[in-house]
C-alpha atoms as a PDB file:
ATOM      1  CA  MET A   1     -52.603  46.570  45.043  1.00  0.00           C
ATOM      2  CA  LYS A   2     -52.872  43.569  47.308  1.00  0.00           C
ATOM      3  CA  PHE A   3     -49.763  41.855  48.626  1.00  0.00           C
ATOM      4  CA  THR A   4     -50.800  38.621  46.868  1.00  0.00           C
ATOM      5  CA  SER A   5     -50.878  40.486  43.543  1.00  0.00           C
ATOM      6  CA  ILE A   6     -47.299  41.614  44.074  1.00  0.00           C
ATOM      7  CA  LEU A   7     -46.239  38.061  44.904  1.00  0.00           C
ATOM      8  CA  ALA A   8     -47.864  36.846  41.699  1.00  0.00           C
ATOM      9  CA  LEU A   9     -45.626  39.193  39.700  1.00  0.00           C
ATOM     10  CA  LEU A  10     -42.355  37.949  41.229  1.00  0.00           C
ATOM     11  CA  PRO A  11     -41.928  34.960  38.865  1.00  0.00           C
ATOM     12  CA  LEU A  12     -42.388  37.315  35.911  1.00  0.00           C
ATOM     13  CA  ALA A  13     -39.710  39.652  37.252  1.00  0.00           C
ATOM     14  CA  ALA A  14     -37.321  36.739  37.745  1.00  0.00           C
ATOM     15  CA  ALA A  15     -37.933  35.600  34.166  1.00  0.00           C
ATOM     16  CA  TRP A  16     -37.140  39.080  32.826  1.00  0.00           C
ATOM     17  CA  ASN A  17     -33.413  38.965  32.226  1.00  0.00           C
ATOM     18  CA  CYS A  18     -31.877  42.110  30.746  1.00  0.00           C
ATOM     19  CA  LEU A  19     -28.293  42.351  29.561  1.00  0.00           C
ATOM     20  CA  THR A  20     -26.115  44.254  31.984  1.00  0.00           C
ATOM     21  CA  ASP A  21     -23.073  46.257  30.919  1.00  0.00           C
ATOM     22  CA  ALA A  22     -20.946  43.331  32.121  1.00  0.00           C
ATOM     23  CA  ASP A  23     -23.020  40.866  30.042  1.00  0.00           C
ATOM     24  CA  ALA A  24     -22.614  42.989  26.908  1.00  0.00           C
ATOM     25  CA  GLU A  25     -18.866  43.361  27.474  1.00  0.00           C
ATOM     26  CA  SER A  26     -18.559  39.604  28.040  1.00  0.00           C
ATOM     27  CA  ILE A  27     -20.373  38.831  24.783  1.00  0.00           C
ATOM     28  CA  VAL A  28     -18.022  41.154  22.905  1.00  0.00           C
ATOM     29  CA  SER A  29     -14.894  39.816  24.645  1.00  0.00           C
ATOM     30  CA  ARG A  30     -15.859  36.230  23.844  1.00  0.00           C
ATOM     31  CA  SER A  31     -16.689  37.210  20.256  1.00  0.00           C
ATOM     32  CA  ILE A  32     -13.164  38.626  19.932  1.00  0.00           C
ATOM     33  CA  ILE A  33     -11.612  35.391  21.255  1.00  0.00           C
ATOM     34  CA  PHE A  34     -13.658  33.463  18.693  1.00  0.00           C
ATOM     35  CA  LEU A  35     -12.913  35.720  15.706  1.00  0.00           C
ATOM     36  CA  GLU A  36      -9.199  36.128  16.474  1.00  0.00           C
ATOM     37  CA  HIS A  37      -8.946  32.358  17.188  1.00  0.00           C
ATOM     38  CA  HIS A  38      -5.234  32.416  18.004  1.00  0.00           C
ATOM     39  CA  ASP A  39      -5.903  29.239  20.033  1.00  0.00           C
ATOM     40  CA  ILE A  40      -8.390  27.066  18.117  1.00  0.00           C
ATOM     41  CA  ALA A  41      -9.355  24.929  21.130  1.00  0.00           C
ATOM     42  CA  LEU A  42     -10.037  28.009  23.267  1.00  0.00           C
ATOM     43  CA  ALA A  43     -11.954  29.694  20.440  1.00  0.00           C
ATOM     44  CA  ASN A  44     -14.087  26.576  19.927  1.00  0.00           C
ATOM     45  CA  ALA A  45     -14.843  26.227  23.646  1.00  0.00           C
ATOM     46  CA  THR A  46     -15.661  29.936  23.827  1.00  0.00           C
ATOM     47  CA  ALA A  47     -18.024  29.657  20.844  1.00  0.00           C
ATOM     48  CA  GLN A  48     -19.874  26.725  22.415  1.00  0.00           C
ATOM     49  CA  GLY A  49     -20.646  28.879  25.462  1.00  0.00           C
ATOM     50  CA  LEU A  50     -21.466  31.992  23.436  1.00  0.00           C
ATOM     51  CA  PHE A  51     -23.665  30.999  20.505  1.00  0.00           C
ATOM     52  CA  ALA A  52     -27.078  29.347  20.566  1.00  0.00           C
ATOM     53  CA  GLU A  53     -27.374  26.156  18.528  1.00  0.00           C
ATOM     54  CA  ASP A  54     -29.781  27.943  16.175  1.00  0.00           C
ATOM     55  CA  ILE A  55     -27.682  31.086  15.597  1.00  0.00           C
ATOM     56  CA  GLN A  56     -28.399  32.909  12.362  1.00  0.00           C
ATOM     57  CA  GLU A  57     -26.079  35.425  10.749  1.00  0.00           C
ATOM     58  CA  PHE A  58     -26.853  37.911   8.004  1.00  0.00           C
ATOM     59  CA  GLY A  59     -24.824  40.656   6.353  1.00  0.00           C
ATOM     60  CA  ASP A  60     -24.526  41.940   2.824  1.00  0.00           C
ATOM     61  CA  SER A  61     -20.879  42.909   3.358  1.00  0.00           C
ATOM     62  CA  ILE A  62     -20.045  39.223   3.759  1.00  0.00           C
ATOM     63  CA  ASN A  63     -22.408  38.201   0.955  1.00  0.00           C
ATOM     64  CA  SER A  64     -20.764  40.638  -1.460  1.00  0.00           C
ATOM     65  CA  LEU A  65     -17.284  39.279  -0.679  1.00  0.00           C
ATOM     66  CA  ARG A  66     -18.471  35.690  -1.081  1.00  0.00           C
ATOM     67  CA  GLY A  67     -20.369  36.396  -4.271  1.00  0.00           C
ATOM     68  CA  ASP A  68     -23.672  35.434  -2.658  1.00  0.00           C
ATOM     69  CA  ALA A  69     -26.972  37.160  -3.323  1.00  0.00           C
ATOM     70  CA  LEU A  70     -27.563  40.196  -1.151  1.00  0.00           C
ATOM     71  CA  GLY A  71     -30.042  39.611   1.650  1.00  0.00           C
ATOM     72  CA  THR A  72     -29.358  35.904   1.937  1.00  0.00           C
ATOM     73  CA  GLN A  73     -28.428  34.217   5.180  1.00  0.00           C
ATOM     74  CA  VAL A  74     -24.682  33.974   5.809  1.00  0.00           C
ATOM     75  CA  GLU A  75     -24.730  31.288   8.520  1.00  0.00           C
ATOM     76  CA  ASN A  76     -27.368  29.020  10.024  1.00  0.00           C
ATOM     77  CA  GLY A  77     -26.532  26.943  13.090  1.00  0.00           C
ATOM     78  CA  ARG A  78     -23.685  26.964  15.597  1.00  0.00           C
ATOM     79  CA  ALA A  79     -21.882  23.845  14.345  1.00  0.00           C
ATOM     80  CA  LYS A  80     -21.537  25.160  10.789  1.00  0.00           C
ATOM     81  CA  TYR A  81     -20.769  28.737  11.851  1.00  0.00           C
ATOM     82  CA  VAL A  82     -18.038  27.688  14.279  1.00  0.00           C
ATOM     83  CA  ALA A  83     -16.464  25.162  11.886  1.00  0.00           C
ATOM     84  CA  GLU A  84     -16.396  27.605   8.961  1.00  0.00           C
ATOM     85  CA  THR A  85     -15.053  30.504  11.021  1.00  0.00           C
ATOM     86  CA  LEU A  86     -12.306  28.456  12.667  1.00  0.00           C
ATOM     87  CA  ALA A  87     -11.256  27.120   9.233  1.00  0.00           C
ATOM     88  CA  THR A  88     -10.557  30.661   7.965  1.00  0.00           C
ATOM     89  CA  PRO A  89      -7.472  32.733   8.771  1.00  0.00           C
ATOM     90  CA  PRO A  90      -7.790  34.485  12.138  1.00  0.00           C
ATOM     91  CA  ILE A  91      -8.397  38.201  12.394  1.00  0.00           C
ATOM     92  CA  PRO A  92      -5.061  39.413  13.806  1.00  0.00           C
ATOM     93  CA  SER A  93      -6.380  42.169  16.071  1.00  0.00           C
ATOM     94  CA  ILE A  94      -9.835  43.461  16.966  1.00  0.00           C
ATOM     95  CA  THR A  95     -10.468  46.769  18.714  1.00  0.00           C
ATOM     96  CA  THR A  96     -13.837  47.584  20.236  1.00  0.00           C
ATOM     97  CA  LEU A  97     -14.872  51.141  19.427  1.00  0.00           C
ATOM     98  CA  ASP A  98     -18.270  51.130  21.136  1.00  0.00           C
ATOM     99  CA  ILE A  99     -20.915  48.900  22.693  1.00  0.00           C
ATOM    100  CA  ILE A 100     -24.546  49.955  23.062  1.00  0.00           C
ATOM    101  CA  HIS A 101     -27.145  47.577  24.473  1.00  0.00           C
ATOM    102  CA  ASP A 102     -30.682  47.145  25.705  1.00  0.00           C
ATOM    103  CA  CYS A 103     -32.265  44.095  27.335  1.00  0.00           C
ATOM    104  CA  LYS A 104     -31.837  41.532  24.547  1.00  0.00           C
ATOM    105  CA  SER A 105     -29.637  43.115  21.894  1.00  0.00           C
ATOM    106  CA  LEU A 106     -26.432  45.026  21.489  1.00  0.00           C
ATOM    107  CA  LEU A 107     -24.605  47.001  18.854  1.00  0.00           C
ATOM    108  CA  TRP A 108     -20.864  46.398  18.699  1.00  0.00           C
ATOM    109  CA  GLN A 109     -18.736  48.815  16.672  1.00  0.00           C
ATOM    110  CA  TRP A 110     -15.307  47.400  15.932  1.00  0.00           C
ATOM    111  CA  GLN A 111     -12.099  47.767  13.935  1.00  0.00           C
ATOM    112  CA  PHE A 112     -10.206  44.792  12.508  1.00  0.00           C
ATOM    113  CA  ASP A 113      -6.476  45.459  12.146  1.00  0.00           C
ATOM    114  CA  GLY A 114      -3.986  43.451  10.128  1.00  0.00           C
ATOM    115  CA  ILE A 115      -6.311  42.145   7.414  1.00  0.00           C
ATOM    116  CA  GLY A 116      -4.087  41.185   4.468  1.00  0.00           C
ATOM    117  CA  SER A 117      -1.846  44.114   3.584  1.00  0.00           C
ATOM    118  CA  GLY A 118      -3.426  46.239   6.318  1.00  0.00           C
ATOM    119  CA  GLU A 119      -3.354  49.251   4.001  1.00  0.00           C
ATOM    120  CA  TYR A 120      -7.009  50.090   4.617  1.00  0.00           C
ATOM    121  CA  ARG A 121      -8.694  50.042   7.998  1.00  0.00           C
ATOM    122  CA  VAL A 122     -11.668  47.722   8.254  1.00  0.00           C
ATOM    123  CA  ARG A 123     -14.401  49.084  10.507  1.00  0.00           C
ATOM    124  CA  GLY A 124     -17.881  47.786  11.002  1.00  0.00           C
ATOM    125  CA  VAL A 125     -20.774  47.018  13.282  1.00  0.00           C
ATOM    126  CA  THR A 126     -22.428  43.851  14.458  1.00  0.00           C
ATOM    127  CA  ILE A 127     -25.998  43.826  15.727  1.00  0.00           C
ATOM    128  CA  ILE A 128     -26.260  40.961  18.210  1.00  0.00           C
ATOM    129  CA  LYS A 129     -29.447  39.527  19.689  1.00  0.00           C
ATOM    130  CA  VAL A 130     -29.569  37.038  22.554  1.00  0.00           C
ATOM    131  CA  ASN A 131     -32.107  34.484  23.717  1.00  0.00           C
ATOM    132  CA  ASP A 132     -33.457  34.170  27.273  1.00  0.00           C
ATOM    133  CA  GLN A 133     -30.273  32.364  28.364  1.00  0.00           C
ATOM    134  CA  ASN A 134     -28.111  35.176  26.901  1.00  0.00           C
ATOM    135  CA  TYR A 135     -26.757  32.956  24.113  1.00  0.00           C
ATOM    136  CA  VAL A 136     -26.232  34.832  20.849  1.00  0.00           C
ATOM    137  CA  ASN A 137     -28.912  33.644  18.423  1.00  0.00           C
ATOM    138  CA  TYR A 138     -28.741  36.370  15.756  1.00  0.00           C
ATOM    139  CA  GLN A 139     -26.043  38.552  14.234  1.00  0.00           C
ATOM    140  CA  TYR A 140     -26.178  41.136  11.464  1.00  0.00           C
ATOM    141  CA  VAL A 141     -22.706  42.217  10.328  1.00  0.00           C
ATOM    142  CA  GLU A 142     -21.856  45.179   8.099  1.00  0.00           C
ATOM    143  CA  PHE A 143     -18.435  46.667   7.390  1.00  0.00           C
ATOM    144  CA  ASN A 144     -16.414  48.448   4.715  1.00  0.00           C
ATOM    145  CA  SER A 145     -16.005  45.320   2.608  1.00  0.00           C
ATOM    146  CA  LEU A 146     -14.232  47.232  -0.157  1.00  0.00           C
ATOM    147  CA  ALA A 147     -11.342  47.939   2.248  1.00  0.00           C
ATOM    148  CA  TRP A 148     -11.321  44.244   3.229  1.00  0.00           C
ATOM    149  CA  ALA A 149     -11.244  43.212  -0.444  1.00  0.00           C
ATOM    150  CA  LEU A 150      -8.438  45.630  -1.322  1.00  0.00           C
ATOM    151  CA  ASP A 151      -6.385  44.512   1.707  1.00  0.00           C
ATOM    152  CA  LEU A 152      -6.674  40.914   0.464  1.00  0.00           C
ATOM    153  CA  ASN A 153      -5.903  41.851  -3.168  1.00  0.00           C
ATOM    154  CA  PHE A 154      -9.343  40.978  -4.495  1.00  0.00           C
ATOM    155  CA  THR A 155      -9.985  42.278  -7.985  1.00  0.00           C
ATOM    156  CA  VAL A 156     -12.616  44.943  -7.529  1.00  0.00           C
ATOM    157  CA  ILE A 157     -14.742  45.454 -10.643  1.00  0.00           C
ATOM    158  CA  PRO A 158     -17.203  48.331 -10.573  1.00  0.00           C
ATOM    159  CA  ALA A 159     -20.769  47.388 -11.440  1.00  0.00           C
ATOM    160  CA  PRO A 160     -21.962  48.591 -14.837  1.00  0.00           C
ATOM    161  CA  LEU A 161     -23.989  51.760 -14.805  1.00  0.00           C
ATOM    162  CA  PRO A 162     -27.707  51.310 -15.425  1.00  0.00           C
ATOM    163  CA  GLY A 163     -28.464  51.432 -19.143  1.00  0.00           C
ATOM    164  CA  SER A 164     -24.891  50.736 -20.246  1.00  0.00           C
END
């Protein structure tokens, strides 16, 4: 390979920006600040530096608790997502159980403690994807929503059996 060919590849290498372990840990740490939102101003400022303006969130666990159709989008856009999240009660304590990442996505396994009565542990995972500037632009959240519902004293009604 000629030296000029190698030089031609340098801009491509510079444009290739993979998440490092530190990047992944930072995304999770800032997500915790946002979701716990003990200080609303700090949580809002953190969210502005974490989420892309066009963030999309999906997750049937959330849809089932909200009574929304499964498979539908939970959130669309940073302004709405941040406003709605900061208007809800904070999650008292979040523990990271694991983080696995590649260049543009990560899997965050977590436990939320202190939801409602706290009788049932709430564990879940969030699949996070980032854009070229490492802003979060996609999240898919799943967790044991039945435990969440019971901790908050939701009335849980089993679905009717097929044919009944």
